Amino acid sequence: MSTNSRNASPVHWVNRMISEPYYLLHFLAFFFYIPVRCSAAHVFSPARSAHLLHREIQALLAFCVLAAIKVVRTESWEAFIADTLFFAKIFLAAIALVVDYRLALWYAIAFLVIYIISQQPAYGGLGTSSQLTPLQLETLLTEGNTSKFWMVEFRSLSISSCILSSSFFPDLSITFSTKSLSFGTVDLGLFPNAAEKFGINLESLHQLPTYILFHDGAVISCLPEADSEAKLFDSPVSKKLLCRHFELDKILLDYINGK
């Protein structure tokens, strides 16, 4: 990781884990294993308890190795936390299968519910981004009100970094949505064939999420920048980064001033 990411992140991530549902619910789901494990110890035979402990040690060691590799290679704490959560869910589900298939099923349902909750808008639905198909987006850009700006997030919800970034994208729409600027999202996991049309290379997962600002149906800015290099964010995607890169404050002021 970069030096800035390492120095600025610990307190930031503690605050996020406490305050944001995505992290808090994951923590509670992981913590639930402790009372279940203690109860199982009283029910299992000594041989089965020893087998479970052996699998737990294997899973923990494998998880630690993967986490150590990620902490060295990952560019930001946001990506590192997302990847470790993903690995933790895989290992926890595998251990749950050893305990009881019903526990594994419970975890599958719990993580699905967490995923659904994390996709809900943070505030009542006012000004939230529109879920668009590529055809709908193309229609809006070519036949809709072309005086509008459209800021579109291209993502795939099978990628952890996209899940995290999608938690603050609706917040941006609440702050900056006007008659001049609208927000939308396109799930390239559902419509992968549309990626090439918008200049997105799905061979590199680091290019997602991609943000594009349209005006009069034309691309005026995108993040990450379209070039031939590998697509990596120099810093974690955040509301501040998007506001600065796309000059959303200026667009809002221009609208207020009637420009």
C-alpha atoms as a PDB file:
ATOM      1  CA  MET A   1       0.000   0.000   0.000  1.00  0.00           C
ATOM      2  CA  SER A   2       1.035   3.603  -0.437  1.00  0.00           C
ATOM      3  CA  THR A   3       2.435   5.525   2.537  1.00  0.00           C
ATOM      4  CA  ASN A   4      -0.476   7.959   2.603  1.00  0.00           C
ATOM      5  CA  SER A   5      -2.992   5.131   2.617  1.00  0.00           C
ATOM      6  CA  ARG A   6      -1.193   3.416   5.497  1.00  0.00           C
ATOM      7  CA  ASN A   7      -0.915   6.540   7.647  1.00  0.00           C
ATOM      8  CA  ALA A   8      -4.419   7.902   7.172  1.00  0.00           C
ATOM      9  CA  SER A   9      -6.428   4.735   7.329  1.00  0.00           C
ATOM     10  CA  PRO A  10      -6.559   3.019  10.778  1.00  0.00           C
ATOM     11  CA  VAL A  11      -8.828   5.526  12.586  1.00  0.00           C
ATOM     12  CA  HIS A  12     -10.838   6.067   9.409  1.00  0.00           C
ATOM     13  CA  TRP A  13     -11.577   2.356   9.073  1.00  0.00           C
ATOM     14  CA  VAL A  14     -12.437   1.940  12.787  1.00  0.00           C
ATOM     15  CA  ASN A  15     -14.997   4.733  12.396  1.00  0.00           C
ATOM     16  CA  ARG A  16     -16.425   3.175   9.240  1.00  0.00           C
ATOM     17  CA  MET A  17     -16.696  -0.292  10.798  1.00  0.00           C
ATOM     18  CA  ILE A  18     -18.650   1.157  13.722  1.00  0.00           C
ATOM     19  CA  SER A  19     -20.888   3.555  11.819  1.00  0.00           C
ATOM     20  CA  GLU A  20     -21.626   1.939   8.441  1.00  0.00           C
ATOM     21  CA  PRO A  21     -24.138  -0.931   8.184  1.00  0.00           C
ATOM     22  CA  TYR A  22     -22.058  -2.800   5.612  1.00  0.00           C
ATOM     23  CA  TYR A  23     -19.167  -3.297   8.025  1.00  0.00           C
ATOM     24  CA  LEU A  24     -21.161  -3.459  11.251  1.00  0.00           C
ATOM     25  CA  LEU A  25     -23.437  -6.221   9.969  1.00  0.00           C
ATOM     26  CA  HIS A  26     -20.447  -8.217   8.715  1.00  0.00           C
ATOM     27  CA  PHE A  27     -18.823  -7.904  12.136  1.00  0.00           C
ATOM     28  CA  LEU A  28     -22.000  -9.128  13.863  1.00  0.00           C
ATOM     29  CA  ALA A  29     -22.294 -12.054  11.443  1.00  0.00           C
ATOM     30  CA  PHE A  30     -18.694 -13.100  12.101  1.00  0.00           C
ATOM     31  CA  PHE A  31     -19.129 -12.652  15.875  1.00  0.00           C
ATOM     32  CA  PHE A  32     -22.186 -14.937  15.778  1.00  0.00           C
ATOM     33  CA  TYR A  33     -19.842 -17.851  15.114  1.00  0.00           C
ATOM     34  CA  ILE A  34     -18.349 -17.596  18.622  1.00  0.00           C
ATOM     35  CA  PRO A  35     -21.490 -18.557  20.620  1.00  0.00           C
ATOM     36  CA  VAL A  36     -22.338 -21.215  18.031  1.00  0.00           C
ATOM     37  CA  ARG A  37     -18.844 -22.668  18.321  1.00  0.00           C
ATOM     38  CA  CYS A  38     -19.025 -22.716  22.140  1.00  0.00           C
ATOM     39  CA  SER A  39     -22.376 -24.503  22.011  1.00  0.00           C
ATOM     40  CA  ALA A  40     -21.078 -27.022  19.491  1.00  0.00           C
ATOM     41  CA  ALA A  41     -18.144 -27.890  21.759  1.00  0.00           C
ATOM     42  CA  HIS A  42     -20.581 -29.287  24.325  1.00  0.00           C
ATOM     43  CA  VAL A  43     -22.454 -31.384  21.757  1.00  0.00           C
ATOM     44  CA  PHE A  44     -19.734 -32.790  19.517  1.00  0.00           C
ATOM     45  CA  SER A  45     -17.788 -35.908  20.314  1.00  0.00           C
ATOM     46  CA  PRO A  46     -14.074 -35.461  21.146  1.00  0.00           C
ATOM     47  CA  ALA A  47     -13.117 -36.772  17.695  1.00  0.00           C
ATOM     48  CA  ARG A  48     -15.415 -34.366  15.857  1.00  0.00           C
ATOM     49  CA  SER A  49     -14.324 -31.454  18.049  1.00  0.00           C
ATOM     50  CA  ALA A  50     -10.690 -32.234  17.214  1.00  0.00           C
ATOM     51  CA  HIS A  51     -11.547 -32.403  13.501  1.00  0.00           C
ATOM     52  CA  LEU A  52     -13.339 -29.037  13.673  1.00  0.00           C
ATOM     53  CA  LEU A  53     -10.412 -27.438  15.517  1.00  0.00           C
ATOM     54  CA  HIS A  54      -8.024 -28.793  12.884  1.00  0.00           C
ATOM     55  CA  ARG A  55     -10.115 -27.252  10.087  1.00  0.00           C
ATOM     56  CA  GLU A  56     -10.384 -23.951  11.944  1.00  0.00           C
ATOM     57  CA  ILE A  57      -6.606 -23.751  12.301  1.00  0.00           C
ATOM     58  CA  GLN A  58      -6.156 -24.545   8.602  1.00  0.00           C
ATOM     59  CA  ALA A  59      -8.689 -21.874   7.617  1.00  0.00           C
ATOM     60  CA  LEU A  60      -7.103 -19.288   9.925  1.00  0.00           C
ATOM     61  CA  LEU A  61      -3.602 -19.929   8.586  1.00  0.00           C
ATOM     62  CA  ALA A  62      -4.786 -19.755   4.974  1.00  0.00           C
ATOM     63  CA  PHE A  63      -6.677 -16.547   5.706  1.00  0.00           C
ATOM     64  CA  CYS A  64      -3.631 -14.958   7.372  1.00  0.00           C
ATOM     65  CA  VAL A  65      -1.418 -15.843   4.389  1.00  0.00           C
ATOM     66  CA  LEU A  66      -3.880 -14.341   1.902  1.00  0.00           C
ATOM     67  CA  ALA A  67      -4.319 -11.238   4.086  1.00  0.00           C
ATOM     68  CA  ALA A  68      -0.536 -10.782   4.320  1.00  0.00           C
ATOM     69  CA  ILE A  69      -0.222 -11.010   0.536  1.00  0.00           C
ATOM     70  CA  LYS A  70      -3.039  -8.523   0.036  1.00  0.00           C
ATOM     71  CA  VAL A  71      -1.697  -5.986   2.534  1.00  0.00           C
ATOM     72  CA  VAL A  72       1.541  -5.865   0.516  1.00  0.00           C
ATOM     73  CA  ARG A  73       0.022  -5.783  -2.969  1.00  0.00           C
ATOM     74  CA  THR A  74      -3.162  -3.765  -2.487  1.00  0.00           C
ATOM     75  CA  GLU A  75      -3.060  -0.068  -3.346  1.00  0.00           C
ATOM     76  CA  SER A  76      -5.466   1.134  -0.635  1.00  0.00           C
ATOM     77  CA  TRP A  77      -6.959   0.150   2.697  1.00  0.00           C
ATOM     78  CA  GLU A  78     -10.428   0.205   1.142  1.00  0.00           C
ATOM     79  CA  ALA A  79      -9.478  -2.494  -1.349  1.00  0.00           C
ATOM     80  CA  PHE A  80      -7.656  -4.468   1.362  1.00  0.00           C
ATOM     81  CA  ILE A  81     -10.684  -4.472   3.702  1.00  0.00           C
ATOM     82  CA  ALA A  82     -12.982  -5.446   0.839  1.00  0.00           C
ATOM     83  CA  ASP A  83     -10.775  -8.383  -0.162  1.00  0.00           C
ATOM     84  CA  THR A  84     -10.279  -9.622   3.412  1.00  0.00           C
ATOM     85  CA  LEU A  85     -14.023  -9.512   4.013  1.00  0.00           C
ATOM     86  CA  PHE A  86     -14.512 -11.583   0.875  1.00  0.00           C
ATOM     87  CA  PHE A  87     -11.921 -14.162   1.996  1.00  0.00           C
ATOM     88  CA  ALA A  88     -13.361 -14.241   5.526  1.00  0.00           C
ATOM     89  CA  LYS A  89     -16.818 -15.064   4.189  1.00  0.00           C
ATOM     90  CA  ILE A  90     -15.466 -17.923   2.088  1.00  0.00           C
ATOM     91  CA  PHE A  91     -13.528 -19.460   4.972  1.00  0.00           C
ATOM     92  CA  LEU A  92     -16.363 -18.942   7.441  1.00  0.00           C
ATOM     93  CA  ALA A  93     -18.835 -20.642   5.107  1.00  0.00           C
ATOM     94  CA  ALA A  94     -16.426 -23.574   4.695  1.00  0.00           C
ATOM     95  CA  ILE A  95     -16.030 -23.939   8.474  1.00  0.00           C
ATOM     96  CA  ALA A  96     -19.795 -23.631   8.950  1.00  0.00           C
ATOM     97  CA  LEU A  97     -20.244 -26.624   6.645  1.00  0.00           C
ATOM     98  CA  VAL A  98     -18.030 -28.652   8.952  1.00  0.00           C
ATOM     99  CA  VAL A  99     -20.174 -27.654  11.946  1.00  0.00           C
ATOM    100  CA  ASP A 100     -23.586 -28.136  10.312  1.00  0.00           C
ATOM    101  CA  TYR A 101     -24.998 -27.507   6.846  1.00  0.00           C
ATOM    102  CA  ARG A 102     -27.820 -25.474   8.419  1.00  0.00           C
ATOM    103  CA  LEU A 103     -25.301 -23.041   9.864  1.00  0.00           C
ATOM    104  CA  ALA A 104     -23.722 -22.646   6.422  1.00  0.00           C
ATOM    105  CA  LEU A 105     -27.176 -21.986   4.967  1.00  0.00           C
ATOM    106  CA  TRP A 106     -27.822 -19.391   7.681  1.00  0.00           C
ATOM    107  CA  TYR A 107     -24.606 -17.590   6.782  1.00  0.00           C
ATOM    108  CA  ALA A 108     -25.474 -17.660   3.081  1.00  0.00           C
ATOM    109  CA  ILE A 109     -28.819 -16.003   3.840  1.00  0.00           C
ATOM    110  CA  ALA A 110     -27.230 -13.534   6.277  1.00  0.00           C
ATOM    111  CA  PHE A 111     -24.601 -12.386   3.775  1.00  0.00           C
ATOM    112  CA  LEU A 112     -27.283 -12.059   1.089  1.00  0.00           C
ATOM    113  CA  VAL A 113     -29.368  -9.866   3.405  1.00  0.00           C
ATOM    114  CA  ILE A 114     -26.299  -7.741   4.227  1.00  0.00           C
ATOM    115  CA  TYR A 115     -25.644  -7.316   0.518  1.00  0.00           C
ATOM    116  CA  ILE A 116     -29.253  -6.208  -0.112  1.00  0.00           C
ATOM    117  CA  ILE A 117     -29.183  -3.767   2.817  1.00  0.00           C
ATOM    118  CA  SER A 118     -25.887  -2.292   1.655  1.00  0.00           C
ATOM    119  CA  GLN A 119     -27.468  -1.457  -1.718  1.00  0.00           C
ATOM    120  CA  GLN A 120     -30.302   0.578  -0.191  1.00  0.00           C
ATOM    121  CA  PRO A 121     -30.009   4.378  -0.421  1.00  0.00           C
ATOM    122  CA  ALA A 122     -28.675   6.002   2.719  1.00  0.00           C
ATOM    123  CA  TYR A 123     -31.488   8.558   2.860  1.00  0.00           C
ATOM    124  CA  GLY A 124     -35.145   7.961   2.145  1.00  0.00           C
ATOM    125  CA  GLY A 125     -34.792   7.774  -1.638  1.00  0.00           C
ATOM    126  CA  LEU A 126     -34.636  11.523  -2.368  1.00  0.00           C
ATOM    127  CA  GLY A 127     -32.245  12.223  -5.210  1.00  0.00           C
ATOM    128  CA  THR A 128     -30.931   8.684  -5.468  1.00  0.00           C
ATOM    129  CA  SER A 129     -29.255   7.402  -8.609  1.00  0.00           C
ATOM    130  CA  SER A 130     -31.245   5.579 -11.284  1.00  0.00           C
ATOM    131  CA  GLN A 131     -30.567   1.933 -12.094  1.00  0.00           C
ATOM    132  CA  LEU A 132     -30.174   1.906 -15.867  1.00  0.00           C
ATOM    133  CA  THR A 133     -29.772  -0.656 -18.610  1.00  0.00           C
ATOM    134  CA  PRO A 134     -27.311   0.263 -21.386  1.00  0.00           C
ATOM    135  CA  LEU A 135     -30.251   0.810 -23.742  1.00  0.00           C
ATOM    136  CA  GLN A 136     -31.958   3.138 -21.277  1.00  0.00           C
ATOM    137  CA  LEU A 137     -28.745   5.115 -20.835  1.00  0.00           C
ATOM    138  CA  GLU A 138     -28.229   5.386 -24.588  1.00  0.00           C
ATOM    139  CA  THR A 139     -31.811   6.593 -25.005  1.00  0.00           C
ATOM    140  CA  LEU A 140     -31.396   9.226 -22.280  1.00  0.00           C
ATOM    141  CA  LEU A 141     -28.173  10.471 -23.833  1.00  0.00           C
ATOM    142  CA  THR A 142     -29.475  10.650 -27.407  1.00  0.00           C
ATOM    143  CA  GLU A 143     -33.208  11.322 -27.101  1.00  0.00           C
ATOM    144  CA  GLY A 144     -33.684  12.717 -23.624  1.00  0.00           C
ATOM    145  CA  ASN A 145     -33.055  16.211 -22.316  1.00  0.00           C
ATOM    146  CA  THR A 146     -29.587  16.619 -23.808  1.00  0.00           C
ATOM    147  CA  SER A 147     -28.950  19.831 -21.864  1.00  0.00           C
ATOM    148  CA  LYS A 148     -28.459  17.646 -18.794  1.00  0.00           C
ATOM    149  CA  PHE A 149     -25.261  16.306 -17.405  1.00  0.00           C
ATOM    150  CA  TRP A 150     -25.366  12.610 -16.606  1.00  0.00           C
ATOM    151  CA  MET A 151     -22.884  11.108 -14.166  1.00  0.00           C
ATOM    152  CA  VAL A 152     -22.901   7.338 -14.527  1.00  0.00           C
ATOM    153  CA  GLU A 153     -21.247   4.667 -12.396  1.00  0.00           C
ATOM    154  CA  PHE A 154     -20.353   1.516 -14.343  1.00  0.00           C
ATOM    155  CA  ARG A 155     -19.879  -1.353 -11.908  1.00  0.00           C
ATOM    156  CA  SER A 156     -20.217  -5.047 -11.300  1.00  0.00           C
ATOM    157  CA  LEU A 157     -21.696  -6.050  -7.977  1.00  0.00           C
ATOM    158  CA  SER A 158     -19.668  -9.255  -8.008  1.00  0.00           C
ATOM    159  CA  ILE A 159     -16.591  -7.093  -7.286  1.00  0.00           C
ATOM    160  CA  SER A 160     -16.058  -6.018  -3.688  1.00  0.00           C
ATOM    161  CA  SER A 161     -14.689  -2.562  -4.545  1.00  0.00           C
ATOM    162  CA  CYS A 162     -17.866  -1.804  -6.493  1.00  0.00           C
ATOM    163  CA  ILE A 163     -20.058  -2.819  -3.568  1.00  0.00           C
ATOM    164  CA  LEU A 164     -18.195  -0.427  -1.288  1.00  0.00           C
ATOM    165  CA  SER A 165     -18.204   2.488  -3.716  1.00  0.00           C
ATOM    166  CA  SER A 166     -21.914   2.052  -4.419  1.00  0.00           C
ATOM    167  CA  SER A 167     -22.646   2.842  -0.759  1.00  0.00           C
ATOM    168  CA  PHE A 168     -21.703   6.518  -1.219  1.00  0.00           C
ATOM    169  CA  PHE A 169     -22.755   7.096  -4.845  1.00  0.00           C
ATOM    170  CA  PRO A 170     -26.413   7.749  -3.829  1.00  0.00           C
ATOM    171  CA  ASP A 171     -25.116  10.309  -1.302  1.00  0.00           C
ATOM    172  CA  LEU A 172     -23.551  12.261  -4.155  1.00  0.00           C
ATOM    173  CA  SER A 173     -26.858  12.301  -6.017  1.00  0.00           C
ATOM    174  CA  ILE A 174     -28.654  13.630  -2.938  1.00  0.00           C
ATOM    175  CA  THR A 175     -26.207  16.533  -2.722  1.00  0.00           C
ATOM    176  CA  PHE A 176     -25.747  17.382  -6.402  1.00  0.00           C
ATOM    177  CA  SER A 177     -28.852  16.204  -8.299  1.00  0.00           C
ATOM    178  CA  THR A 178     -30.556  19.078 -10.114  1.00  0.00           C
ATOM    179  CA  LYS A 179     -32.505  19.581 -13.315  1.00  0.00           C
ATOM    180  CA  SER A 180     -29.111  19.956 -14.934  1.00  0.00           C
ATOM    181  CA  LEU A 181     -27.326  16.941 -13.406  1.00  0.00           C
ATOM    182  CA  SER A 182     -28.633  13.399 -12.961  1.00  0.00           C
ATOM    183  CA  PHE A 183     -26.983  10.253 -11.630  1.00  0.00           C
ATOM    184  CA  GLY A 184     -27.271   6.678 -12.843  1.00  0.00           C
ATOM    185  CA  THR A 185     -25.641   3.275 -12.512  1.00  0.00           C
ATOM    186  CA  VAL A 186     -25.117   0.511 -15.054  1.00  0.00           C
ATOM    187  CA  ASP A 187     -24.304  -3.013 -13.857  1.00  0.00           C
ATOM    188  CA  LEU A 188     -21.770  -4.439 -16.295  1.00  0.00           C
ATOM    189  CA  GLY A 189     -22.036  -7.751 -14.480  1.00  0.00           C
ATOM    190  CA  LEU A 190     -25.495  -8.026 -16.043  1.00  0.00           C
ATOM    191  CA  PHE A 191     -24.601  -6.317 -19.335  1.00  0.00           C
ATOM    192  CA  PRO A 192     -20.929  -7.108 -20.046  1.00  0.00           C
ATOM    193  CA  ASN A 193     -21.351  -6.579 -23.791  1.00  0.00           C
ATOM    194  CA  ALA A 194     -22.025  -2.891 -23.153  1.00  0.00           C
ATOM    195  CA  ALA A 195     -18.553  -2.287 -21.690  1.00  0.00           C
ATOM    196  CA  GLU A 196     -16.800  -1.876 -25.029  1.00  0.00           C
ATOM    197  CA  LYS A 197     -19.355   0.679 -26.214  1.00  0.00           C
ATOM    198  CA  PHE A 198     -18.418   2.959 -23.311  1.00  0.00           C
ATOM    199  CA  GLY A 199     -14.678   2.312 -23.607  1.00  0.00           C
ATOM    200  CA  ILE A 200     -14.383   0.052 -20.556  1.00  0.00           C
ATOM    201  CA  ASN A 201     -12.027  -2.927 -20.636  1.00  0.00           C
ATOM    202  CA  LEU A 202     -13.429  -5.729 -18.487  1.00  0.00           C
ATOM    203  CA  GLU A 203     -10.189  -7.703 -18.761  1.00  0.00           C
ATOM    204  CA  SER A 204      -8.888  -5.540 -15.924  1.00  0.00           C
ATOM    205  CA  LEU A 205     -11.139  -5.671 -12.854  1.00  0.00           C
ATOM    206  CA  HIS A 206      -9.198  -2.692 -11.482  1.00  0.00           C
ATOM    207  CA  GLN A 207     -11.042  -0.537 -14.030  1.00  0.00           C
ATOM    208  CA  LEU A 208     -14.289  -1.040 -12.131  1.00  0.00           C
ATOM    209  CA  PRO A 209     -16.004   0.955 -10.881  1.00  0.00           C
ATOM    210  CA  THR A 210     -15.657   3.426 -13.740  1.00  0.00           C
ATOM    211  CA  TYR A 211     -17.307   6.848 -13.577  1.00  0.00           C
ATOM    212  CA  ILE A 212     -18.201   8.819 -16.709  1.00  0.00           C
ATOM    213  CA  LEU A 213     -19.669  12.314 -16.923  1.00  0.00           C
ATOM    214  CA  PHE A 214     -21.756  12.951 -20.050  1.00  0.00           C
ATOM    215  CA  HIS A 215     -22.984  16.274 -21.431  1.00  0.00           C
ATOM    216  CA  ASP A 216     -25.061  16.613 -24.581  1.00  0.00           C
ATOM    217  CA  GLY A 217     -24.620  12.870 -25.020  1.00  0.00           C
ATOM    218  CA  ALA A 218     -20.830  13.119 -25.178  1.00  0.00           C
ATOM    219  CA  VAL A 219     -18.208  12.001 -22.681  1.00  0.00           C
ATOM    220  CA  ILE A 220     -16.494  14.991 -21.089  1.00  0.00           C
ATOM    221  CA  SER A 221     -14.653  13.265 -18.242  1.00  0.00           C
ATOM    222  CA  CYS A 222     -14.078   9.812 -16.821  1.00  0.00           C
ATOM    223  CA  LEU A 223     -12.401   8.144 -13.869  1.00  0.00           C
ATOM    224  CA  PRO A 224     -10.130   6.256 -14.153  1.00  0.00           C
ATOM    225  CA  GLU A 225      -8.783   8.127 -17.157  1.00  0.00           C
ATOM    226  CA  ALA A 226      -9.002   6.298 -20.479  1.00  0.00           C
ATOM    227  CA  ASP A 227      -5.471   5.368 -21.534  1.00  0.00           C
ATOM    228  CA  SER A 228      -3.439   2.343 -22.476  1.00  0.00           C
ATOM    229  CA  GLU A 229      -1.987   1.860 -18.992  1.00  0.00           C
ATOM    230  CA  ALA A 230      -3.337  -0.457 -16.303  1.00  0.00           C
ATOM    231  CA  LYS A 231      -6.305   1.148 -14.635  1.00  0.00           C
ATOM    232  CA  LEU A 232      -5.614   1.737 -10.936  1.00  0.00           C
ATOM    233  CA  PHE A 233      -6.911   4.439  -8.637  1.00  0.00           C
ATOM    234  CA  ASP A 234      -4.047   6.324  -7.000  1.00  0.00           C
ATOM    235  CA  SER A 235      -6.236   6.689  -3.897  1.00  0.00           C
ATOM    236  CA  PRO A 236      -9.438   5.004  -2.686  1.00  0.00           C
ATOM    237  CA  VAL A 237     -12.605   6.027  -4.480  1.00  0.00           C
ATOM    238  CA  SER A 238     -14.463   8.496  -2.308  1.00  0.00           C
ATOM    239  CA  LYS A 239     -17.050  11.240  -2.530  1.00  0.00           C
ATOM    240  CA  LYS A 240     -14.286  13.829  -2.180  1.00  0.00           C
ATOM    241  CA  LEU A 241     -12.298  12.307  -5.045  1.00  0.00           C
ATOM    242  CA  LEU A 242     -15.318  12.206  -7.358  1.00  0.00           C
ATOM    243  CA  CYS A 243     -16.358  15.764  -6.474  1.00  0.00           C
ATOM    244  CA  ARG A 244     -12.866  17.057  -7.211  1.00  0.00           C
ATOM    245  CA  HIS A 245     -12.322  15.097 -10.416  1.00  0.00           C
ATOM    246  CA  PHE A 246     -15.702  15.902 -11.998  1.00  0.00           C
ATOM    247  CA  GLU A 247     -15.974  19.424 -10.524  1.00  0.00           C
ATOM    248  CA  LEU A 248     -19.455  18.702  -9.195  1.00  0.00           C
ATOM    249  CA  ASP A 249     -19.385  21.808  -7.005  1.00  0.00           C
ATOM    250  CA  LYS A 250     -18.840  23.978 -10.083  1.00  0.00           C
ATOM    251  CA  ILE A 251     -21.664  22.258 -11.991  1.00  0.00           C
ATOM    252  CA  LEU A 252     -24.003  22.869  -9.043  1.00  0.00           C
ATOM    253  CA  LEU A 253     -22.978  26.534  -8.715  1.00  0.00           C
ATOM    254  CA  ASP A 254     -23.397  27.085 -12.449  1.00  0.00           C
ATOM    255  CA  TYR A 255     -26.934  25.659 -12.216  1.00  0.00           C
ATOM    256  CA  ILE A 256     -27.790  27.865  -9.232  1.00  0.00           C
ATOM    257  CA  ASN A 257     -26.442  30.920 -11.045  1.00  0.00           C
ATOM    258  CA  GLY A 258     -28.438  30.056 -14.163  1.00  0.00           C
ATOM    259  CA  LYS A 259     -25.463  29.350 -16.394  1.00  0.00           C
END
